[in-house]
Amino acid sequence: MLIPARFNGPPGTGNGGWCSGVFAVAAGARTGGPPFQVTLRVPPPLETTLELRDDTVLAGDTLVAEVLEVAGVGDDVPPVPLATAVEASRGYPGFVTHPFPTCFVCGPGRPGKDGLEIFPGVLPDGRTAAPWTVPDDVSVPTLWAALDCPGGWAAIARGQAYVLGRIAARVDALPAPGAECVVVGAASEIAGRKATVDSTVYGPGGQRLASARATWIAVIK
């Protein structure tokens, strides 16, 4: 495995959701298959040869992640209409202040606009919502990436930077390229430096496409 530089999160490291999806697929995750959980032990390196050995992802002797099949991923976040997601996205906090503005998933400052451009705004009830136009090269890791940041922003929007520590996800179906989807997120618990968040991707007809539960860790500056 190798994570191309395009799929970055924080500068110089891989986007947690995308990388976790790549690791999960290598371990057997597939569309319509069982959920998998990925725990990141270090920021995933870019342009580096990675090896899946048993249930671990290694870069040489460095433990990057642990991967395992799990029974479930938590609760679905209730959907909102596309128009509501579009309106919420106009108020995306990352347009004003973003800890990682070139993030592949939610960065508004990527040169070339080659990211997913999912910009989750905050709804009155604290959930996040964003529209998402599906790229031509959609895959299972793409859905893991789409699930990543909208959940995280349910915590980040409170004014504290977080990074992904663990994510468990399932992908029920891949949307068609060009489809207009809605991604929603919600924080279920924020305690100390940890935030537990859920996220769900819904297709154009309102069908659930993928769901995740993740643990984010506050960044100490």
N, C-alpha and C. Protein backbone atom coordinates (compact mmCIF):
# COMPACT_ATOMS: atom_id res chain seq x y z
N MET A 1 0.84 -1.19 0.00
CA MET A 1 0.00 0.00 0.00
C MET A 1 0.87 1.24 0.00
N LEU A 2 0.32 2.31 -0.58
CA LEU A 2 0.99 3.61 -0.58
C LEU A 2 -0.08 4.67 -0.66
N ILE A 3 0.00 5.69 0.19
CA ILE A 3 -0.95 6.79 0.20
C ILE A 3 -0.38 7.94 -0.62
N PRO A 4 -0.93 8.23 -1.82
CA PRO A 4 -0.43 9.34 -2.61
C PRO A 4 -0.58 10.67 -1.88
N ALA A 5 0.29 11.61 -2.21
CA ALA A 5 0.31 12.90 -1.51
C ALA A 5 -1.00 13.65 -1.63
N ARG A 6 -1.77 13.37 -2.68
CA ARG A 6 -3.05 14.06 -2.88
C ARG A 6 -3.99 13.88 -1.69
N PHE A 7 -3.89 12.71 -1.02
CA PHE A 7 -4.87 12.35 0.01
C PHE A 7 -4.40 12.77 1.40
N ASN A 8 -4.01 14.01 1.53
CA ASN A 8 -3.49 14.50 2.80
C ASN A 8 -4.61 14.99 3.71
N GLY A 9 -4.31 15.00 4.99
CA GLY A 9 -5.15 15.64 5.98
C GLY A 9 -4.37 16.82 6.52
N PRO A 10 -3.82 16.73 7.75
CA PRO A 10 -2.84 17.72 8.18
C PRO A 10 -1.65 17.72 7.23
N PRO A 11 -0.97 18.84 7.06
CA PRO A 11 0.13 18.91 6.09
C PRO A 11 1.16 17.80 6.29
N GLY A 12 1.47 17.11 5.20
CA GLY A 12 2.52 16.10 5.23
C GLY A 12 2.09 14.73 5.70
N THR A 13 0.80 14.57 6.08
CA THR A 13 0.31 13.26 6.54
C THR A 13 -1.02 12.96 5.86
N GLY A 14 -1.40 11.69 5.89
CA GLY A 14 -2.60 11.26 5.20
C GLY A 14 -3.88 11.66 5.91
N ASN A 15 -4.93 11.90 5.12
CA ASN A 15 -6.25 12.11 5.70
C ASN A 15 -6.67 10.84 6.42
N GLY A 16 -7.12 10.99 7.66
CA GLY A 16 -7.41 9.82 8.47
C GLY A 16 -8.49 8.94 7.91
N GLY A 17 -9.56 9.53 7.38
CA GLY A 17 -10.65 8.74 6.84
C GLY A 17 -10.25 7.98 5.60
N TRP A 18 -9.58 8.66 4.67
CA TRP A 18 -9.15 8.00 3.44
C TRP A 18 -8.20 6.85 3.76
N CYS A 19 -7.19 7.14 4.56
CA CYS A 19 -6.19 6.11 4.89
C CYS A 19 -6.84 4.94 5.60
N SER A 20 -7.74 5.21 6.53
CA SER A 20 -8.42 4.14 7.25
C SER A 20 -9.22 3.28 6.28
N GLY A 21 -9.85 3.91 5.28
CA GLY A 21 -10.57 3.14 4.28
C GLY A 21 -9.67 2.26 3.46
N VAL A 22 -8.51 2.77 3.10
CA VAL A 22 -7.53 1.97 2.36
C VAL A 22 -7.08 0.77 3.19
N PHE A 23 -6.80 1.02 4.46
CA PHE A 23 -6.35 -0.06 5.34
C PHE A 23 -7.46 -1.10 5.52
N ALA A 24 -8.70 -0.62 5.69
CA ALA A 24 -9.82 -1.54 5.88
C ALA A 24 -10.05 -2.41 4.64
N VAL A 25 -9.97 -1.81 3.46
CA VAL A 25 -10.14 -2.58 2.23
C VAL A 25 -9.05 -3.65 2.11
N ALA A 26 -7.84 -3.28 2.47
CA ALA A 26 -6.75 -4.26 2.44
C ALA A 26 -7.02 -5.43 3.38
N ALA A 27 -7.77 -5.16 4.46
CA ALA A 27 -8.07 -6.20 5.45
C ALA A 27 -9.36 -6.95 5.12
N GLY A 28 -10.08 -6.54 4.06
CA GLY A 28 -11.27 -7.28 3.65
C GLY A 28 -12.55 -6.49 3.59
N ALA A 29 -12.54 -5.21 3.94
CA ALA A 29 -13.76 -4.41 3.86
C ALA A 29 -14.19 -4.27 2.41
N ARG A 30 -15.50 -4.25 2.19
CA ARG A 30 -16.04 -4.15 0.84
C ARG A 30 -17.45 -3.57 0.91
N THR A 31 -17.94 -3.14 -0.23
CA THR A 31 -19.31 -2.64 -0.31
C THR A 31 -20.28 -3.74 0.09
N GLY A 32 -21.17 -3.43 1.05
CA GLY A 32 -22.13 -4.41 1.52
C GLY A 32 -21.58 -5.41 2.51
N GLY A 33 -20.32 -5.29 2.85
CA GLY A 33 -19.69 -6.22 3.77
C GLY A 33 -19.79 -5.77 5.21
N PRO A 34 -19.16 -6.48 6.14
CA PRO A 34 -19.22 -6.15 7.56
C PRO A 34 -18.44 -4.87 7.87
N PRO A 35 -18.75 -4.22 8.98
CA PRO A 35 -17.99 -3.05 9.39
C PRO A 35 -16.56 -3.41 9.79
N PHE A 36 -15.68 -2.46 9.60
CA PHE A 36 -14.30 -2.58 10.07
C PHE A 36 -13.96 -1.36 10.90
N GLN A 37 -13.04 -1.56 11.84
CA GLN A 37 -12.54 -0.47 12.67
C GLN A 37 -11.05 -0.31 12.46
N VAL A 38 -10.63 0.95 12.35
CA VAL A 38 -9.21 1.26 12.19
C VAL A 38 -8.80 2.23 13.31
N THR A 39 -7.75 1.88 14.03
CA THR A 39 -7.17 2.74 15.05
C THR A 39 -5.83 3.24 14.55
N LEU A 40 -5.69 4.55 14.43
CA LEU A 40 -4.45 5.14 13.95
C LEU A 40 -3.51 5.34 15.12
N ARG A 41 -2.30 4.80 15.01
CA ARG A 41 -1.33 4.92 16.08
C ARG A 41 -0.34 6.05 15.86
N VAL A 42 -0.11 6.41 14.59
CA VAL A 42 0.69 7.59 14.23
C VAL A 42 0.02 8.21 13.01
N PRO A 43 0.28 9.48 12.72
CA PRO A 43 -0.27 10.06 11.50
C PRO A 43 0.18 9.25 10.28
N PRO A 44 -0.73 8.82 9.42
CA PRO A 44 -0.33 7.98 8.28
C PRO A 44 0.63 8.73 7.35
N PRO A 45 1.77 8.12 7.04
CA PRO A 45 2.73 8.80 6.17
C PRO A 45 2.29 8.76 4.71
N LEU A 46 2.65 9.78 3.97
CA LEU A 46 2.37 9.86 2.54
C LEU A 46 3.55 9.33 1.73
N GLU A 47 3.23 8.80 0.54
CA GLU A 47 4.25 8.35 -0.41
C GLU A 47 5.26 7.40 0.25
N THR A 48 4.75 6.54 1.10
CA THR A 48 5.59 5.59 1.86
C THR A 48 5.00 4.20 1.71
N THR A 49 5.83 3.22 1.48
CA THR A 49 5.35 1.84 1.36
C THR A 49 4.84 1.35 2.72
N LEU A 50 3.62 0.86 2.71
CA LEU A 50 2.98 0.36 3.93
C LEU A 50 2.62 -1.11 3.73
N GLU A 51 2.68 -1.88 4.80
CA GLU A 51 2.41 -3.31 4.72
C GLU A 51 1.36 -3.70 5.74
N LEU A 52 0.34 -4.45 5.29
CA LEU A 52 -0.63 -5.04 6.21
C LEU A 52 -0.11 -6.39 6.67
N ARG A 53 0.14 -6.52 7.95
CA ARG A 53 0.66 -7.76 8.51
C ARG A 53 -0.24 -8.18 9.65
N ASP A 54 -0.95 -9.31 9.46
CA ASP A 54 -1.99 -9.72 10.40
C ASP A 54 -3.02 -8.59 10.52
N ASP A 55 -3.18 -8.00 11.68
CA ASP A 55 -4.16 -6.93 11.86
C ASP A 55 -3.51 -5.57 12.03
N THR A 56 -2.28 -5.42 11.55
CA THR A 56 -1.57 -4.16 11.73
C THR A 56 -1.07 -3.63 10.39
N VAL A 57 -0.97 -2.32 10.33
CA VAL A 57 -0.37 -1.64 9.18
C VAL A 57 0.97 -1.07 9.63
N LEU A 58 2.02 -1.43 8.91
CA LEU A 58 3.37 -1.04 9.29
C LEU A 58 4.05 -0.24 8.20
N ALA A 59 4.84 0.75 8.61
CA ALA A 59 5.77 1.44 7.72
C ALA A 59 7.16 1.07 8.22
N GLY A 60 7.74 0.06 7.61
CA GLY A 60 8.98 -0.49 8.16
C GLY A 60 8.67 -1.12 9.51
N ASP A 61 9.33 -0.65 10.55
CA ASP A 61 9.08 -1.15 11.90
C ASP A 61 8.08 -0.29 12.68
N THR A 62 7.56 0.75 12.07
CA THR A 62 6.66 1.67 12.76
C THR A 62 5.21 1.21 12.63
N LEU A 63 4.53 1.06 13.75
CA LEU A 63 3.11 0.71 13.76
C LEU A 63 2.30 1.94 13.40
N VAL A 64 1.62 1.86 12.26
CA VAL A 64 0.80 2.98 11.79
C VAL A 64 -0.65 2.84 12.23
N ALA A 65 -1.20 1.62 12.12
CA ALA A 65 -2.62 1.44 12.43
C ALA A 65 -2.91 -0.02 12.77
N GLU A 66 -4.03 -0.21 13.44
CA GLU A 66 -4.56 -1.54 13.74
C GLU A 66 -5.94 -1.64 13.11
N VAL A 67 -6.25 -2.78 12.50
CA VAL A 67 -7.48 -2.96 11.74
C VAL A 67 -8.18 -4.23 12.21
N LEU A 68 -9.49 -4.16 12.43
CA LEU A 68 -10.23 -5.37 12.77
C LEU A 68 -11.68 -5.25 12.35
N GLU A 69 -12.29 -6.39 12.07
CA GLU A 69 -13.72 -6.45 11.78
C GLU A 69 -14.48 -6.29 13.09
N VAL A 70 -15.59 -5.52 13.05
CA VAL A 70 -16.39 -5.27 14.26
C VAL A 70 -17.85 -5.58 13.98
N ALA A 71 -18.65 -5.58 15.06
CA ALA A 71 -20.05 -5.94 14.92
C ALA A 71 -20.93 -4.79 14.43
N GLY A 72 -20.55 -3.55 14.77
CA GLY A 72 -21.39 -2.41 14.41
C GLY A 72 -20.62 -1.12 14.48
N VAL A 73 -21.30 -0.01 14.10
CA VAL A 73 -20.61 1.28 14.03
C VAL A 73 -21.35 2.40 14.76
N GLY A 74 -22.32 2.07 15.61
CA GLY A 74 -23.03 3.12 16.30
C GLY A 74 -24.31 3.51 15.59
N ASP A 75 -24.81 4.68 15.88
CA ASP A 75 -26.11 5.12 15.39
C ASP A 75 -26.00 5.94 14.10
N ASP A 76 -26.98 5.77 13.22
CA ASP A 76 -27.07 6.65 12.06
C ASP A 76 -27.43 8.05 12.52
N VAL A 77 -26.85 9.05 11.88
CA VAL A 77 -27.26 10.43 12.11
C VAL A 77 -28.47 10.71 11.22
N PRO A 78 -29.57 11.22 11.75
CA PRO A 78 -30.76 11.45 10.92
C PRO A 78 -30.46 12.37 9.74
N PRO A 79 -31.08 12.10 8.59
CA PRO A 79 -30.80 12.90 7.40
C PRO A 79 -31.49 14.25 7.42
N VAL A 80 -31.05 15.11 6.52
CA VAL A 80 -31.72 16.38 6.25
C VAL A 80 -31.88 16.50 4.74
N PRO A 81 -32.81 17.32 4.27
CA PRO A 81 -32.94 17.53 2.83
C PRO A 81 -31.69 18.18 2.24
N LEU A 82 -31.47 17.95 0.96
CA LEU A 82 -30.31 18.53 0.29
C LEU A 82 -30.29 20.04 0.44
N ALA A 83 -31.44 20.70 0.31
CA ALA A 83 -31.48 22.16 0.42
C ALA A 83 -31.02 22.63 1.79
N THR A 84 -31.36 21.87 2.84
CA THR A 84 -30.92 22.22 4.20
C THR A 84 -29.41 22.07 4.32
N ALA A 85 -28.87 21.01 3.73
CA ALA A 85 -27.42 20.81 3.76
C ALA A 85 -26.69 21.91 3.01
N VAL A 86 -27.24 22.32 1.87
CA VAL A 86 -26.63 23.40 1.09
C VAL A 86 -26.61 24.69 1.90
N GLU A 87 -27.72 25.00 2.54
CA GLU A 87 -27.80 26.23 3.34
C GLU A 87 -26.82 26.16 4.52
N ALA A 88 -26.75 25.01 5.20
CA ALA A 88 -25.83 24.87 6.32
C ALA A 88 -24.39 25.04 5.88
N SER A 89 -24.06 24.49 4.72
CA SER A 89 -22.69 24.54 4.22
C SER A 89 -22.21 25.97 3.96
N ARG A 90 -23.13 26.86 3.66
CA ARG A 90 -22.73 28.26 3.44
C ARG A 90 -22.10 28.87 4.68
N GLY A 91 -22.47 28.33 5.85
CA GLY A 91 -21.90 28.82 7.11
C GLY A 91 -20.78 27.95 7.65
N TYR A 92 -20.16 27.16 6.80
CA TYR A 92 -19.07 26.26 7.22
C TYR A 92 -18.01 27.03 8.00
N PRO A 93 -17.75 26.68 9.27
CA PRO A 93 -16.76 27.42 10.06
C PRO A 93 -15.36 27.40 9.45
N GLY A 94 -15.05 26.35 8.67
CA GLY A 94 -13.73 26.25 8.06
C GLY A 94 -13.45 27.28 7.01
N PHE A 95 -14.48 27.96 6.53
CA PHE A 95 -14.24 29.06 5.59
C PHE A 95 -13.56 30.24 6.29
N VAL A 96 -13.75 30.34 7.60
CA VAL A 96 -13.18 31.45 8.38
C VAL A 96 -11.88 31.03 9.06
N THR A 97 -11.94 29.90 9.79
CA THR A 97 -10.76 29.38 10.48
C THR A 97 -10.73 27.87 10.29
N HIS A 98 -9.62 27.35 9.79
CA HIS A 98 -9.51 25.92 9.54
C HIS A 98 -8.15 25.44 10.03
N PRO A 99 -8.11 24.39 10.89
CA PRO A 99 -6.81 23.93 11.38
C PRO A 99 -5.94 23.32 10.29
N PHE A 100 -6.56 22.76 9.24
CA PHE A 100 -5.81 22.10 8.17
C PHE A 100 -6.47 22.45 6.83
N PRO A 101 -6.26 23.66 6.32
CA PRO A 101 -7.05 24.16 5.18
C PRO A 101 -6.83 23.45 3.86
N THR A 102 -5.82 22.58 3.77
CA THR A 102 -5.63 21.82 2.53
C THR A 102 -6.08 20.38 2.65
N CYS A 103 -6.86 20.05 3.70
CA CYS A 103 -7.36 18.68 3.89
C CYS A 103 -8.09 18.19 2.65
N PHE A 104 -7.82 16.95 2.26
CA PHE A 104 -8.44 16.34 1.07
C PHE A 104 -9.96 16.36 1.14
N VAL A 105 -10.53 16.19 2.33
CA VAL A 105 -11.98 16.09 2.46
C VAL A 105 -12.63 17.45 2.62
N CYS A 106 -12.17 18.25 3.56
CA CYS A 106 -12.91 19.46 3.95
C CYS A 106 -12.11 20.75 3.82
N GLY A 107 -10.94 20.69 3.19
CA GLY A 107 -10.11 21.88 3.08
C GLY A 107 -10.59 22.83 1.99
N PRO A 108 -10.87 24.09 2.34
CA PRO A 108 -11.29 25.07 1.33
C PRO A 108 -10.12 25.70 0.59
N GLY A 109 -8.88 25.36 1.00
CA GLY A 109 -7.72 26.02 0.42
C GLY A 109 -6.83 25.11 -0.41
N ARG A 110 -7.41 24.06 -1.01
CA ARG A 110 -6.60 23.14 -1.82
C ARG A 110 -6.33 23.73 -3.20
N PRO A 111 -5.06 23.77 -3.61
CA PRO A 111 -4.75 24.18 -4.98
C PRO A 111 -5.35 23.17 -5.96
N GLY A 112 -5.97 23.67 -7.01
CA GLY A 112 -6.51 22.79 -8.03
C GLY A 112 -7.87 22.22 -7.72
N LYS A 113 -8.39 22.45 -6.50
CA LYS A 113 -9.73 21.98 -6.13
C LYS A 113 -9.89 20.48 -6.40
N ASP A 114 -8.89 19.67 -6.02
CA ASP A 114 -8.93 18.25 -6.32
C ASP A 114 -9.36 17.41 -5.12
N GLY A 115 -9.95 18.04 -4.11
CA GLY A 115 -10.43 17.31 -2.95
C GLY A 115 -11.91 17.00 -3.06
N LEU A 116 -12.48 16.48 -1.98
CA LEU A 116 -13.90 16.13 -1.98
C LEU A 116 -14.80 17.35 -1.79
N GLU A 117 -14.25 18.44 -1.24
CA GLU A 117 -14.99 19.68 -1.05
C GLU A 117 -16.29 19.46 -0.27
N ILE A 118 -16.17 18.75 0.83
CA ILE A 118 -17.29 18.58 1.76
C ILE A 118 -17.11 19.61 2.86
N PHE A 119 -18.01 20.58 2.92
CA PHE A 119 -17.89 21.72 3.83
C PHE A 119 -19.07 21.71 4.80
N PRO A 120 -18.95 21.00 5.93
CA PRO A 120 -20.09 20.82 6.84
C PRO A 120 -20.37 22.05 7.71
N GLY A 121 -21.55 22.58 7.56
CA GLY A 121 -22.00 23.65 8.43
C GLY A 121 -22.77 23.08 9.61
N VAL A 122 -22.98 23.91 10.62
CA VAL A 122 -23.62 23.46 11.86
C VAL A 122 -25.11 23.80 11.81
N LEU A 123 -25.94 22.80 12.08
CA LEU A 123 -27.38 22.97 12.16
C LEU A 123 -27.77 23.50 13.53
N PRO A 124 -28.97 24.03 13.69
CA PRO A 124 -29.39 24.56 14.99
C PRO A 124 -29.31 23.55 16.13
N ASP A 125 -29.48 22.26 15.83
CA ASP A 125 -29.42 21.25 16.90
C ASP A 125 -28.01 20.74 17.17
N GLY A 126 -27.00 21.33 16.53
CA GLY A 126 -25.61 20.94 16.77
C GLY A 126 -25.07 19.92 15.79
N ARG A 127 -25.94 19.26 15.02
CA ARG A 127 -25.45 18.37 13.97
C ARG A 127 -24.76 19.18 12.88
N THR A 128 -23.96 18.50 12.06
CA THR A 128 -23.39 19.14 10.89
C THR A 128 -24.03 18.55 9.64
N ALA A 129 -24.03 19.31 8.56
CA ALA A 129 -24.58 18.82 7.31
C ALA A 129 -23.87 19.50 6.15
N ALA A 130 -23.70 18.73 5.07
CA ALA A 130 -23.05 19.27 3.87
C ALA A 130 -23.54 18.51 2.64
N PRO A 131 -23.65 19.20 1.52
CA PRO A 131 -23.87 18.49 0.27
C PRO A 131 -22.55 17.92 -0.23
N TRP A 132 -22.63 16.90 -1.04
CA TRP A 132 -21.42 16.29 -1.60
C TRP A 132 -21.69 15.80 -3.00
N THR A 133 -20.94 16.33 -3.95
CA THR A 133 -21.01 15.84 -5.33
C THR A 133 -19.97 14.73 -5.48
N VAL A 134 -20.42 13.54 -5.81
CA VAL A 134 -19.56 12.36 -5.82
C VAL A 134 -18.58 12.43 -6.99
N PRO A 135 -17.28 12.18 -6.74
CA PRO A 135 -16.29 12.24 -7.81
C PRO A 135 -16.36 11.02 -8.72
N ASP A 136 -15.71 11.13 -9.88
CA ASP A 136 -15.74 10.03 -10.86
C ASP A 136 -15.05 8.78 -10.33
N ASP A 137 -14.03 8.96 -9.49
CA ASP A 137 -13.25 7.81 -9.02
C ASP A 137 -13.73 7.31 -7.65
N VAL A 138 -15.04 7.37 -7.41
CA VAL A 138 -15.58 6.96 -6.10
C VAL A 138 -15.25 5.50 -5.82
N SER A 139 -14.94 5.22 -4.56
CA SER A 139 -14.54 3.89 -4.11
C SER A 139 -14.91 3.75 -2.64
N VAL A 140 -14.66 2.58 -2.07
CA VAL A 140 -14.91 2.41 -0.64
C VAL A 140 -14.09 3.39 0.20
N PRO A 141 -12.78 3.57 -0.06
CA PRO A 141 -12.06 4.59 0.72
C PRO A 141 -12.62 6.00 0.56
N THR A 142 -13.21 6.31 -0.61
CA THR A 142 -13.84 7.62 -0.78
C THR A 142 -14.97 7.81 0.22
N LEU A 143 -15.78 6.77 0.42
CA LEU A 143 -16.88 6.86 1.39
C LEU A 143 -16.35 6.98 2.81
N TRP A 144 -15.29 6.25 3.15
CA TRP A 144 -14.68 6.41 4.47
C TRP A 144 -14.20 7.85 4.65
N ALA A 145 -13.61 8.43 3.63
CA ALA A 145 -13.16 9.82 3.72
C ALA A 145 -14.33 10.77 3.90
N ALA A 146 -15.41 10.54 3.14
CA ALA A 146 -16.58 11.41 3.25
C ALA A 146 -17.21 11.35 4.64
N LEU A 147 -17.10 10.21 5.31
CA LEU A 147 -17.63 10.06 6.66
C LEU A 147 -16.76 10.73 7.72
N ASP A 148 -15.54 11.01 7.38
CA ASP A 148 -14.54 11.44 8.36
C ASP A 148 -14.81 12.85 8.89
N CYS A 149 -14.57 13.84 8.09
CA CYS A 149 -14.57 15.22 8.57
C CYS A 149 -15.94 15.76 9.01
N PRO A 150 -17.06 15.40 8.36
CA PRO A 150 -18.35 15.91 8.85
C PRO A 150 -18.65 15.53 10.29
N GLY A 151 -18.21 14.35 10.72
CA GLY A 151 -18.33 14.01 12.13
C GLY A 151 -17.38 14.83 12.97
N GLY A 152 -16.15 14.95 12.52
CA GLY A 152 -15.16 15.70 13.27
C GLY A 152 -15.54 17.15 13.50
N TRP A 153 -16.17 17.77 12.49
CA TRP A 153 -16.53 19.19 12.64
C TRP A 153 -17.62 19.41 13.68
N ALA A 154 -18.34 18.37 14.06
CA ALA A 154 -19.29 18.52 15.16
C ALA A 154 -18.56 18.84 16.46
N ALA A 155 -17.28 18.46 16.53
CA ALA A 155 -16.44 18.81 17.67
C ALA A 155 -15.58 20.04 17.37
N ILE A 156 -14.97 20.08 16.18
CA ILE A 156 -14.06 21.18 15.83
C ILE A 156 -14.77 22.52 15.85
N ALA A 157 -16.05 22.54 15.45
CA ALA A 157 -16.79 23.79 15.39
C ALA A 157 -16.93 24.47 16.74
N ARG A 158 -16.62 23.75 17.80
CA ARG A 158 -16.66 24.34 19.15
C ARG A 158 -15.41 25.16 19.46
N GLY A 159 -14.45 25.17 18.52
CA GLY A 159 -13.29 26.02 18.67
C GLY A 159 -12.00 25.31 19.00
N GLN A 160 -12.01 23.99 19.02
CA GLN A 160 -10.81 23.19 19.36
C GLN A 160 -10.45 22.33 18.17
N ALA A 161 -9.17 22.30 17.80
CA ALA A 161 -8.71 21.43 16.71
C ALA A 161 -8.62 19.99 17.19
N TYR A 162 -9.08 19.07 16.36
CA TYR A 162 -9.03 17.64 16.65
C TYR A 162 -8.45 16.91 15.44
N VAL A 163 -7.92 15.72 15.70
CA VAL A 163 -7.51 14.81 14.63
C VAL A 163 -8.13 13.44 14.88
N LEU A 164 -8.31 12.67 13.81
CA LEU A 164 -8.94 11.36 13.93
C LEU A 164 -8.02 10.38 14.65
N GLY A 165 -8.60 9.65 15.61
CA GLY A 165 -7.86 8.61 16.31
C GLY A 165 -8.33 7.21 15.96
N ARG A 166 -9.64 7.07 15.80
CA ARG A 166 -10.21 5.75 15.51
C ARG A 166 -11.51 5.95 14.74
N ILE A 167 -11.77 5.07 13.79
CA ILE A 167 -13.03 5.12 13.04
C ILE A 167 -13.48 3.71 12.70
N ALA A 168 -14.76 3.45 12.92
CA ALA A 168 -15.39 2.21 12.49
C ALA A 168 -16.47 2.57 11.48
N ALA A 169 -16.46 1.92 10.33
CA ALA A 169 -17.38 2.30 9.26
C ALA A 169 -17.88 1.08 8.51
N ARG A 170 -19.04 1.26 7.90
CA ARG A 170 -19.57 0.28 6.96
C ARG A 170 -20.06 1.04 5.73
N VAL A 171 -19.89 0.44 4.58
CA VAL A 171 -20.34 1.02 3.32
C VAL A 171 -21.38 0.08 2.72
N ASP A 172 -22.62 0.54 2.65
CA ASP A 172 -23.70 -0.29 2.12
C ASP A 172 -23.73 -0.28 0.60
N ALA A 173 -23.44 0.87 0.00
CA ALA A 173 -23.49 0.99 -1.46
C ALA A 173 -22.67 2.20 -1.88
N LEU A 174 -22.13 2.16 -3.09
CA LEU A 174 -21.41 3.30 -3.64
C LEU A 174 -22.37 4.15 -4.47
N PRO A 175 -22.35 5.46 -4.29
CA PRO A 175 -23.18 6.32 -5.13
C PRO A 175 -22.59 6.43 -6.53
N ALA A 176 -23.41 6.83 -7.47
CA ALA A 176 -22.94 7.02 -8.84
C ALA A 176 -22.09 8.28 -8.93
N PRO A 177 -21.07 8.28 -9.78
CA PRO A 177 -20.32 9.52 -10.00
C PRO A 177 -21.26 10.66 -10.40
N GLY A 178 -21.03 11.82 -9.81
CA GLY A 178 -21.85 12.99 -10.09
C GLY A 178 -23.11 13.09 -9.26
N ALA A 179 -23.43 12.07 -8.46
CA ALA A 179 -24.63 12.11 -7.63
C ALA A 179 -24.50 13.19 -6.56
N GLU A 180 -25.63 13.80 -6.22
CA GLU A 180 -25.66 14.81 -5.16
C GLU A 180 -26.11 14.15 -3.87
N CYS A 181 -25.18 13.95 -2.96
CA CYS A 181 -25.45 13.28 -1.69
C CYS A 181 -25.48 14.30 -0.55
N VAL A 182 -25.90 13.83 0.62
CA VAL A 182 -25.88 14.63 1.84
C VAL A 182 -25.08 13.86 2.88
N VAL A 183 -24.18 14.56 3.56
CA VAL A 183 -23.40 13.97 4.65
C VAL A 183 -23.74 14.72 5.94
N VAL A 184 -24.06 13.97 6.98
CA VAL A 184 -24.41 14.57 8.27
C VAL A 184 -23.53 14.00 9.36
N GLY A 185 -23.28 14.80 10.39
CA GLY A 185 -22.46 14.35 11.51
C GLY A 185 -23.05 14.84 12.82
N ALA A 186 -22.66 14.19 13.91
CA ALA A 186 -23.13 14.58 15.24
C ALA A 186 -22.15 14.11 16.29
N ALA A 187 -21.95 14.92 17.31
CA ALA A 187 -21.11 14.52 18.44
C ALA A 187 -22.00 13.86 19.49
N SER A 188 -21.64 12.64 19.90
CA SER A 188 -22.42 11.95 20.93
C SER A 188 -21.82 12.17 22.31
N GLU A 189 -20.52 12.44 22.38
CA GLU A 189 -19.88 12.69 23.68
C GLU A 189 -18.56 13.44 23.46
N ILE A 190 -18.34 14.46 24.26
CA ILE A 190 -17.07 15.16 24.27
C ILE A 190 -16.61 15.22 25.73
N ALA A 191 -15.50 14.55 26.02
CA ALA A 191 -15.01 14.46 27.40
C ALA A 191 -13.50 14.55 27.38
N GLY A 192 -12.96 15.51 28.09
CA GLY A 192 -11.51 15.69 28.08
C GLY A 192 -11.03 15.99 26.67
N ARG A 193 -10.02 15.25 26.23
CA ARG A 193 -9.47 15.47 24.90
C ARG A 193 -10.16 14.61 23.84
N LYS A 194 -11.13 13.78 24.22
CA LYS A 194 -11.75 12.86 23.27
C LYS A 194 -13.15 13.32 22.88
N ALA A 195 -13.45 13.19 21.60
CA ALA A 195 -14.80 13.44 21.09
C ALA A 195 -15.26 12.20 20.33
N THR A 196 -16.42 11.68 20.71
CA THR A 196 -17.02 10.55 19.99
C THR A 196 -18.08 11.11 19.05
N VAL A 197 -17.97 10.81 17.78
CA VAL A 197 -18.86 11.40 16.78
C VAL A 197 -19.39 10.31 15.86
N ASP A 198 -20.57 10.56 15.30
CA ASP A 198 -21.17 9.69 14.31
C ASP A 198 -21.34 10.47 13.01
N SER A 199 -21.38 9.75 11.90
CA SER A 199 -21.61 10.39 10.60
C SER A 199 -22.28 9.40 9.67
N THR A 200 -23.06 9.94 8.72
CA THR A 200 -23.79 9.11 7.77
C THR A 200 -23.84 9.82 6.43
N VAL A 201 -23.68 9.05 5.37
CA VAL A 201 -23.84 9.56 4.01
C VAL A 201 -25.15 9.03 3.45
N TYR A 202 -25.95 9.94 2.91
CA TYR A 202 -27.23 9.58 2.29
C TYR A 202 -27.18 9.90 0.79
N GLY A 203 -27.77 9.00 -0.01
CA GLY A 203 -27.81 9.18 -1.45
C GLY A 203 -28.92 10.12 -1.88
N PRO A 204 -29.01 10.38 -3.19
CA PRO A 204 -30.01 11.34 -3.71
C PRO A 204 -31.44 10.96 -3.37
N GLY A 205 -31.74 9.69 -3.24
CA GLY A 205 -33.09 9.26 -2.89
C GLY A 205 -33.33 9.14 -1.40
N GLY A 206 -32.36 9.55 -0.59
CA GLY A 206 -32.50 9.47 0.86
C GLY A 206 -32.04 8.17 1.45
N GLN A 207 -31.51 7.27 0.62
CA GLN A 207 -31.06 5.97 1.14
C GLN A 207 -29.71 6.11 1.83
N ARG A 208 -29.54 5.36 2.93
CA ARG A 208 -28.25 5.36 3.62
C ARG A 208 -27.23 4.64 2.77
N LEU A 209 -26.08 5.28 2.55
CA LEU A 209 -25.00 4.67 1.79
C LEU A 209 -23.87 4.18 2.69
N ALA A 210 -23.61 4.88 3.78
CA ALA A 210 -22.49 4.53 4.66
C ALA A 210 -22.66 5.23 6.00
N SER A 211 -22.13 4.61 7.06
CA SER A 211 -22.18 5.20 8.40
C SER A 211 -20.88 4.92 9.13
N ALA A 212 -20.59 5.76 10.11
CA ALA A 212 -19.36 5.59 10.88
C ALA A 212 -19.53 6.12 12.29
N ARG A 213 -18.72 5.57 13.18
CA ARG A 213 -18.52 6.15 14.51
C ARG A 213 -17.02 6.34 14.69
N ALA A 214 -16.63 7.50 15.17
CA ALA A 214 -15.19 7.81 15.26
C ALA A 214 -14.86 8.46 16.59
N THR A 215 -13.62 8.31 16.97
CA THR A 215 -13.06 9.01 18.12
C THR A 215 -12.02 10.00 17.62
N TRP A 216 -12.20 11.24 17.97
CA TRP A 216 -11.25 12.31 17.61
C TRP A 216 -10.52 12.76 18.86
N ILE A 217 -9.27 13.14 18.66
CA ILE A 217 -8.41 13.55 19.79
C ILE A 217 -8.03 15.02 19.63
N ALA A 218 -8.24 15.81 20.68
CA ALA A 218 -7.92 17.22 20.63
C ALA A 218 -6.41 17.41 20.47
N VAL A 219 -6.04 18.38 19.66
CA VAL A 219 -4.63 18.70 19.41
C VAL A 219 -4.15 19.64 20.51
N ILE A 220 -3.04 19.30 21.13
CA ILE A 220 -2.44 20.17 22.14
C ILE A 220 -1.39 21.03 21.47
N LYS A 221 -1.53 22.34 21.55
CA LYS A 221 -0.57 23.24 20.93
C LYS A 221 0.41 23.78 21.97
